[in-house]
Amino acid sequence: MYNYLDFEKPVADLEGKILELKKLAESGEAVDVGDEIARLEKRSKDALRDVYRALTPWQKAQVARHPDRPHCLDYVRALFTDFTPLAGDRAFGEDDAIIAGFARFRGESIAIIGQEKGNDTQSRLKHNFGMARPEGYRKAVRIMELANRFGIPVVSLVDTAGAYPGVGAEERGQAEAIARSTSACLGLKVPNVSVVIGEGGSGGAIAIATANRVYMLEHSIYSVISPEGAASILWHDSTRAKDAATNMKITAQDLLNLKIIDGIIAEPVGGAHRARDAVITATGEQIHKAFEELTGANMDYREHRREKFLAIGRNL
């Protein structure tokens, strides 16, 4: 059984009945429920397909935040080998919200920077729910500088509601750290590819996602502020997050139409949490294809990035 979202209730009811019938069959009672299970499974698949065919932006935001959705470390373990994490910013301390280090990707050296939300109470607290502090972004800058020095491509996996807004983070220069990380992305002499795997929130996401190629999973979101934050500012009512999400153009489909991202990675019906391995594999294929295209083009990666981001909004 999955953790069902509110709008998935019709599917939850059907899959609950299927589970009950399967338990009845396993109990050994002389009841033939095979045909009924098959009928309900078909209805469940059809209902799930109907729900996910017409998701609203707010529903997509809920899917992007699903607790069972694969997170940064799931991608790192599945896609990369010989991962060597590097810790600390050499100025203040370590920030577990940012995962960073070097590994091999299909035999080639790669630098990895990603935001990790955690998957249970203990790990979520450890990783601060994926909300990085200044030392996290300074660690990302350190990794990018090393990648530049040794000519190693960079991949970033974005999944954050935004940078941590606490007093301590502000005192240690949160805005300056985000700006320097964004600048480091733009100044890379090597190719970089970014994938929004869940939630791409505000400058906290931009700080590691200013890349030559930016992709989003089909049901991820990417925005300047969370829907709740926008609703609080616009209407002084965070409960109007649904209205904000509808008007903010936060979905992958909207952002592709606006030419802010370069492509969408398809998710299975029901979201990434229903077929984690398939989604991670598809993401790896897209990253590999992007690096092949970038390295084969013999381009100036800094100039390419400059033109890419200056062009946003010009031809709409």
Protein backbone atom coordinates (compact mmCIF):
# COMPACT_ATOMS: atom_id res chain seq x y z
CA MET A 1 0.00 0.00 0.00
CA TYR A 2 1.15 3.53 -0.78
CA ASN A 3 0.86 6.80 1.08
CA TYR A 4 -2.13 8.15 -0.81
CA LEU A 5 -2.69 11.81 -1.55
CA ASP A 6 -6.12 13.35 -1.01
CA PHE A 7 -7.04 13.34 -4.69
CA GLU A 8 -6.07 9.66 -4.98
CA LYS A 9 -8.94 8.48 -2.74
CA PRO A 10 -10.82 6.58 -5.52
CA VAL A 11 -7.63 4.64 -6.25
CA ALA A 12 -6.96 4.09 -2.55
CA ASP A 13 -10.43 2.59 -2.06
CA LEU A 14 -10.02 0.17 -4.97
CA GLU A 15 -6.51 -0.89 -4.01
CA GLY A 16 -7.69 -1.39 -0.42
CA LYS A 17 -10.41 -3.78 -1.63
CA ILE A 18 -7.85 -5.63 -3.79
CA LEU A 19 -5.60 -6.09 -0.76
CA GLU A 20 -8.50 -7.43 1.32
CA LEU A 21 -9.41 -9.95 -1.38
CA LYS A 22 -5.81 -11.11 -1.71
CA LYS A 23 -5.62 -11.67 2.03
CA LEU A 24 -8.87 -13.62 1.82
CA ALA A 25 -7.41 -15.80 -0.95
CA GLU A 26 -4.24 -16.39 1.07
CA SER A 27 -6.25 -17.43 4.12
CA GLY A 28 -7.18 -20.67 2.36
CA GLU A 29 -10.94 -20.18 2.46
CA ALA A 30 -12.75 -21.90 -0.38
CA VAL A 31 -13.62 -18.68 -2.17
CA ASP A 32 -12.61 -17.96 -5.76
CA VAL A 33 -11.80 -14.26 -5.89
CA GLY A 34 -9.39 -14.30 -8.84
CA ASP A 35 -11.85 -12.81 -11.31
CA GLU A 36 -12.94 -10.10 -8.88
CA ILE A 37 -9.30 -9.16 -8.16
CA ALA A 38 -8.55 -8.90 -11.88
CA ARG A 39 -11.63 -6.73 -12.41
CA LEU A 40 -10.72 -4.41 -9.53
CA GLU A 41 -7.08 -4.18 -10.67
CA LYS A 42 -8.24 -3.02 -14.09
CA ARG A 43 -10.57 -0.47 -12.52
CA SER A 44 -7.75 0.72 -10.27
CA LYS A 45 -5.34 1.18 -13.18
CA ASP A 46 -7.98 3.04 -15.17
CA ALA A 47 -8.83 5.27 -12.21
CA LEU A 48 -5.16 6.06 -11.57
CA ARG A 49 -4.64 6.90 -15.24
CA ASP A 50 -7.69 9.18 -15.25
CA VAL A 51 -6.50 11.01 -12.13
CA TYR A 52 -2.96 11.57 -13.38
CA ARG A 53 -4.06 12.54 -16.86
CA ALA A 54 -5.61 15.76 -15.53
CA LEU A 55 -3.53 16.83 -12.53
CA THR A 56 -3.85 20.46 -11.52
CA PRO A 57 -0.69 22.46 -10.66
CA TRP A 58 -1.50 22.15 -6.94
CA GLN A 59 -1.90 18.38 -7.26
CA LYS A 60 1.45 18.22 -9.07
CA ALA A 61 2.99 20.12 -6.16
CA GLN A 62 1.65 17.45 -3.83
CA VAL A 63 3.08 14.67 -6.00
CA ALA A 64 6.44 16.46 -6.13
CA ARG A 65 6.46 16.48 -2.31
CA HIS A 66 5.30 12.88 -1.90
CA PRO A 67 7.21 11.32 1.03
CA ASP A 68 7.93 8.12 -0.91
CA ARG A 69 9.32 9.89 -3.96
CA PRO A 70 12.98 8.95 -4.66
CA HIS A 71 15.39 11.52 -3.27
CA CYS A 72 18.91 12.62 -4.12
CA LEU A 73 20.71 9.79 -2.32
CA ASP A 74 18.52 7.21 -4.09
CA TYR A 75 19.73 8.58 -7.44
CA VAL A 76 23.34 8.73 -6.26
CA ARG A 77 23.33 5.10 -5.10
CA ALA A 78 21.66 3.83 -8.27
CA LEU A 79 23.36 5.90 -10.99
CA PHE A 80 26.90 6.52 -9.77
CA THR A 81 29.77 4.33 -8.63
CA ASP A 82 32.73 5.03 -6.35
CA PHE A 83 30.93 8.01 -4.82
CA THR A 84 33.23 9.93 -2.48
CA PRO A 85 31.34 12.58 -0.49
CA LEU A 86 33.17 15.73 0.56
CA ALA A 87 32.08 17.57 3.69
CA GLY A 88 32.35 21.11 4.97
CA ASP A 89 32.77 24.53 3.45
CA ARG A 90 36.26 25.18 4.95
CA ALA A 91 34.80 28.25 6.66
CA PHE A 92 32.09 27.29 9.17
CA GLY A 93 30.96 23.67 9.08
CA GLU A 94 29.11 20.86 7.36
CA ASP A 95 25.56 21.03 5.99
CA ASP A 96 23.87 17.68 5.39
CA ALA A 97 21.12 19.30 3.30
CA ILE A 98 23.61 19.41 0.42
CA ILE A 99 25.12 16.15 -0.80
CA ALA A 100 28.33 16.80 -2.72
CA GLY A 101 31.32 14.86 -3.94
CA PHE A 102 32.88 12.99 -6.83
CA ALA A 103 31.99 9.68 -8.44
CA ARG A 104 31.98 7.80 -11.71
CA PHE A 105 29.08 7.90 -14.14
CA ARG A 106 29.24 5.19 -16.78
CA GLY A 107 33.00 5.02 -16.40
CA GLU A 108 33.64 8.77 -16.48
CA SER A 109 34.48 11.10 -13.58
CA ILE A 110 31.62 13.31 -12.44
CA ALA A 111 31.01 15.90 -9.73
CA ILE A 112 27.70 15.57 -7.91
CA ILE A 113 25.78 18.25 -6.01
CA GLY A 114 22.28 17.56 -4.73
CA GLN A 115 19.73 18.44 -2.09
CA GLU A 116 18.58 15.62 0.18
CA LYS A 117 15.29 15.85 2.08
CA GLY A 118 15.46 12.55 3.96
CA ASN A 119 12.85 9.79 4.08
CA ASP A 120 11.98 9.40 7.78
CA THR A 121 11.89 11.64 10.83
CA GLN A 122 15.52 11.07 11.79
CA SER A 123 16.96 11.59 8.31
CA ARG A 124 14.72 14.57 7.61
CA LEU A 125 16.01 16.29 10.70
CA LYS A 126 19.58 15.38 9.80
CA HIS A 127 19.22 16.83 6.29
CA ASN A 128 17.07 19.76 7.48
CA PHE A 129 14.32 18.75 5.05
CA GLY A 130 16.60 19.64 2.12
CA MET A 131 16.80 23.31 3.09
CA ALA A 132 20.45 24.30 2.87
CA ARG A 133 22.26 26.83 5.05
CA PRO A 134 25.07 29.10 3.78
CA GLU A 135 27.70 26.46 4.50
CA GLY A 136 25.86 24.08 2.19
CA TYR A 137 26.08 26.48 -0.73
CA ARG A 138 29.71 27.27 0.07
CA LYS A 139 30.40 23.55 0.01
CA ALA A 140 28.74 23.40 -3.43
CA VAL A 141 31.03 26.24 -4.59
CA ARG A 142 34.05 24.29 -3.31
CA ILE A 143 33.00 21.23 -5.34
CA MET A 144 32.47 23.34 -8.47
CA GLU A 145 35.89 24.95 -8.09
CA LEU A 146 37.49 21.50 -7.85
CA ALA A 147 35.52 20.31 -10.88
CA ASN A 148 36.75 23.34 -12.82
CA ARG A 149 40.34 22.72 -11.81
CA PHE A 150 40.32 19.09 -12.90
CA GLY A 151 37.98 19.39 -15.91
CA ILE A 152 35.19 17.24 -14.44
CA PRO A 153 31.57 17.72 -15.57
CA VAL A 154 28.98 18.59 -12.92
CA VAL A 155 25.50 17.16 -12.35
CA SER A 156 23.08 18.63 -9.83
CA LEU A 157 19.91 17.06 -8.44
CA VAL A 158 17.47 19.67 -7.19
CA ASP A 159 14.91 18.92 -4.48
CA THR A 160 14.25 21.68 -1.98
CA ALA A 161 11.43 23.87 -0.80
CA GLY A 162 14.02 26.67 -0.62
CA ALA A 163 17.09 27.76 1.29
CA TYR A 164 16.79 27.65 5.08
CA PRO A 165 15.40 31.01 6.31
CA GLY A 166 16.54 30.79 9.94
CA VAL A 167 18.22 33.62 11.86
CA GLY A 168 21.56 31.79 12.02
CA ALA A 169 21.57 31.25 8.28
CA GLU A 170 20.88 34.93 7.65
CA GLU A 171 23.60 35.95 10.10
CA ARG A 172 26.11 33.77 8.21
CA GLY A 173 25.25 35.34 4.85
CA GLN A 174 22.57 33.17 3.24
CA ALA A 175 21.86 35.52 0.32
CA GLU A 176 25.56 36.05 -0.40
CA ALA A 177 26.19 32.29 -0.34
CA ILE A 178 23.34 31.65 -2.79
CA ALA A 179 24.60 34.40 -5.10
CA ARG A 180 28.14 33.02 -5.08
CA SER A 181 26.90 29.50 -5.77
CA THR A 182 24.79 30.75 -8.70
CA SER A 183 27.82 32.66 -9.99
CA ALA A 184 29.98 29.54 -9.66
CA CYS A 185 27.46 27.58 -11.76
CA LEU A 186 27.49 30.24 -14.45
CA GLY A 187 31.30 30.39 -14.46
CA LEU A 188 31.98 26.69 -14.85
CA LYS A 189 34.35 25.91 -17.72
CA VAL A 190 32.99 22.35 -17.80
CA PRO A 191 29.48 21.24 -18.82
CA ASN A 192 26.84 21.01 -16.11
CA VAL A 193 23.44 19.34 -16.19
CA SER A 194 20.69 19.85 -13.62
CA VAL A 195 17.56 17.79 -12.94
CA VAL A 196 14.68 18.92 -10.73
CA ILE A 197 13.68 15.59 -9.20
CA GLY A 198 11.01 16.90 -6.84
CA GLU A 199 10.64 20.45 -5.67
CA GLY A 200 12.73 23.31 -7.05
CA GLY A 201 12.16 26.20 -4.70
CA SER A 202 13.46 29.74 -5.14
CA GLY A 203 17.12 30.75 -4.96
CA GLY A 204 17.78 27.60 -2.97
CA ALA A 205 17.28 25.67 -6.21
CA ILE A 206 18.76 28.22 -8.63
CA ALA A 207 22.02 28.18 -6.65
CA ILE A 208 22.88 24.73 -8.02
CA ALA A 209 20.62 24.61 -11.09
CA THR A 210 22.05 27.34 -13.32
CA ALA A 211 23.20 24.76 -15.83
CA ASN A 212 23.80 24.22 -19.55
CA ARG A 213 20.86 21.84 -19.53
CA VAL A 214 18.00 21.87 -17.03
CA TYR A 215 15.46 19.04 -16.95
CA MET A 216 12.45 18.31 -14.76
CA LEU A 217 10.65 15.13 -13.87
CA GLU A 218 7.12 15.16 -15.23
CA HIS A 219 5.43 15.82 -11.88
CA SER A 220 8.09 18.03 -10.29
CA ILE A 221 7.68 21.77 -9.72
CA TYR A 222 10.05 24.72 -10.08
CA SER A 223 9.22 28.23 -8.90
CA VAL A 224 10.52 31.47 -7.41
CA ILE A 225 8.59 30.80 -4.19
CA SER A 226 6.44 28.05 -2.75
CA PRO A 227 2.68 28.26 -3.43
CA GLU A 228 2.10 28.73 0.31
CA GLY A 229 4.63 31.57 0.45
CA ALA A 230 3.13 33.28 -2.59
CA ALA A 231 -0.36 33.00 -1.12
CA SER A 232 0.84 34.53 2.16
CA ILE A 233 2.35 37.50 0.32
CA LEU A 234 -0.43 38.09 -2.19
CA TRP A 235 -3.51 37.41 -0.07
CA HIS A 236 -2.11 37.16 3.47
CA ASP A 237 -3.65 33.68 3.51
CA SER A 238 -1.46 30.60 3.07
CA THR A 239 -4.55 28.41 2.67
CA ARG A 240 -4.90 29.88 -0.82
CA ALA A 241 -1.81 27.96 -1.96
CA LYS A 242 -3.94 26.14 -4.54
CA ASP A 243 -4.84 29.46 -6.20
CA ALA A 244 -1.21 30.55 -6.16
CA ALA A 245 0.00 27.28 -7.69
CA THR A 246 -2.55 27.58 -10.49
CA ASN A 247 -1.34 31.05 -11.45
CA MET A 248 2.42 30.73 -10.93
CA LYS A 249 3.27 28.40 -13.86
CA ILE A 250 5.25 25.99 -11.69
CA THR A 251 4.80 22.73 -13.60
CA ALA A 252 7.31 21.11 -15.93
CA GLN A 253 4.91 21.51 -18.84
CA ASP A 254 4.47 25.25 -18.20
CA LEU A 255 8.21 25.82 -17.84
CA LEU A 256 9.01 23.91 -21.01
CA ASN A 257 6.52 26.08 -22.90
CA LEU A 258 8.18 29.17 -21.42
CA LYS A 259 11.59 27.80 -22.53
CA ILE A 260 12.96 27.93 -19.00
CA ILE A 261 13.84 24.23 -18.98
CA ASP A 262 15.22 22.02 -21.74
CA GLY A 263 13.13 18.89 -21.37
CA ILE A 264 10.82 16.70 -19.31
CA ILE A 265 11.61 13.22 -18.01
CA ALA A 266 8.47 11.10 -18.06
CA GLU A 267 7.15 9.51 -14.89
CA PRO A 268 5.02 6.36 -14.69
CA VAL A 269 1.29 6.69 -14.13
CA GLY A 270 0.91 7.41 -10.43
CA GLY A 271 4.18 9.30 -10.02
CA ALA A 272 7.83 8.46 -9.46
CA HIS A 273 7.16 6.77 -6.11
CA ARG A 274 5.25 3.96 -7.85
CA ALA A 275 8.17 2.93 -10.06
CA ARG A 276 11.30 4.32 -8.44
CA ASP A 277 13.82 2.22 -10.37
CA ALA A 278 12.28 3.09 -13.74
CA VAL A 279 12.33 6.83 -13.00
CA ILE A 280 15.93 6.76 -11.76
CA THR A 281 17.01 4.81 -14.84
CA ALA A 282 15.24 7.27 -17.16
CA THR A 283 16.93 10.17 -15.37
CA GLY A 284 20.32 8.54 -15.82
CA GLU A 285 19.65 8.10 -19.54
CA GLN A 286 18.73 11.77 -19.91
CA ILE A 287 21.84 12.91 -18.03
CA HIS A 288 24.03 10.67 -20.20
CA LYS A 289 22.41 11.95 -23.41
CA ALA A 290 22.80 15.58 -22.32
CA PHE A 291 26.52 15.20 -21.56
CA GLU A 292 27.07 13.42 -24.87
CA GLU A 293 25.44 16.31 -26.73
CA LEU A 294 27.30 18.97 -24.76
CA THR A 295 30.76 17.42 -24.97
CA GLY A 296 30.27 16.60 -28.64
CA ALA A 297 29.39 20.20 -29.51
CA ASN A 298 32.86 21.59 -28.69
CA MET A 299 31.33 24.73 -27.18
CA ASP A 300 32.30 27.43 -24.71
CA TYR A 301 30.16 26.28 -21.78
CA ARG A 302 30.22 29.62 -20.00
CA GLU A 303 29.09 31.50 -23.09
CA HIS A 304 26.43 28.85 -23.77
CA ARG A 305 25.03 29.33 -20.26
CA ARG A 306 25.14 33.10 -20.59
CA GLU A 307 23.17 33.08 -23.83
CA LYS A 308 20.75 30.44 -22.53
CA PHE A 309 19.68 32.45 -19.50
CA LEU A 310 19.72 35.85 -21.21
CA ALA A 311 17.38 34.42 -23.85
CA ILE A 312 14.67 33.50 -21.32
CA GLY A 313 11.60 35.61 -22.03
CA ARG A 314 12.85 37.05 -25.31
CA ASN A 315 10.83 34.97 -27.77
CA LEU A 316 7.52 34.40 -26.02
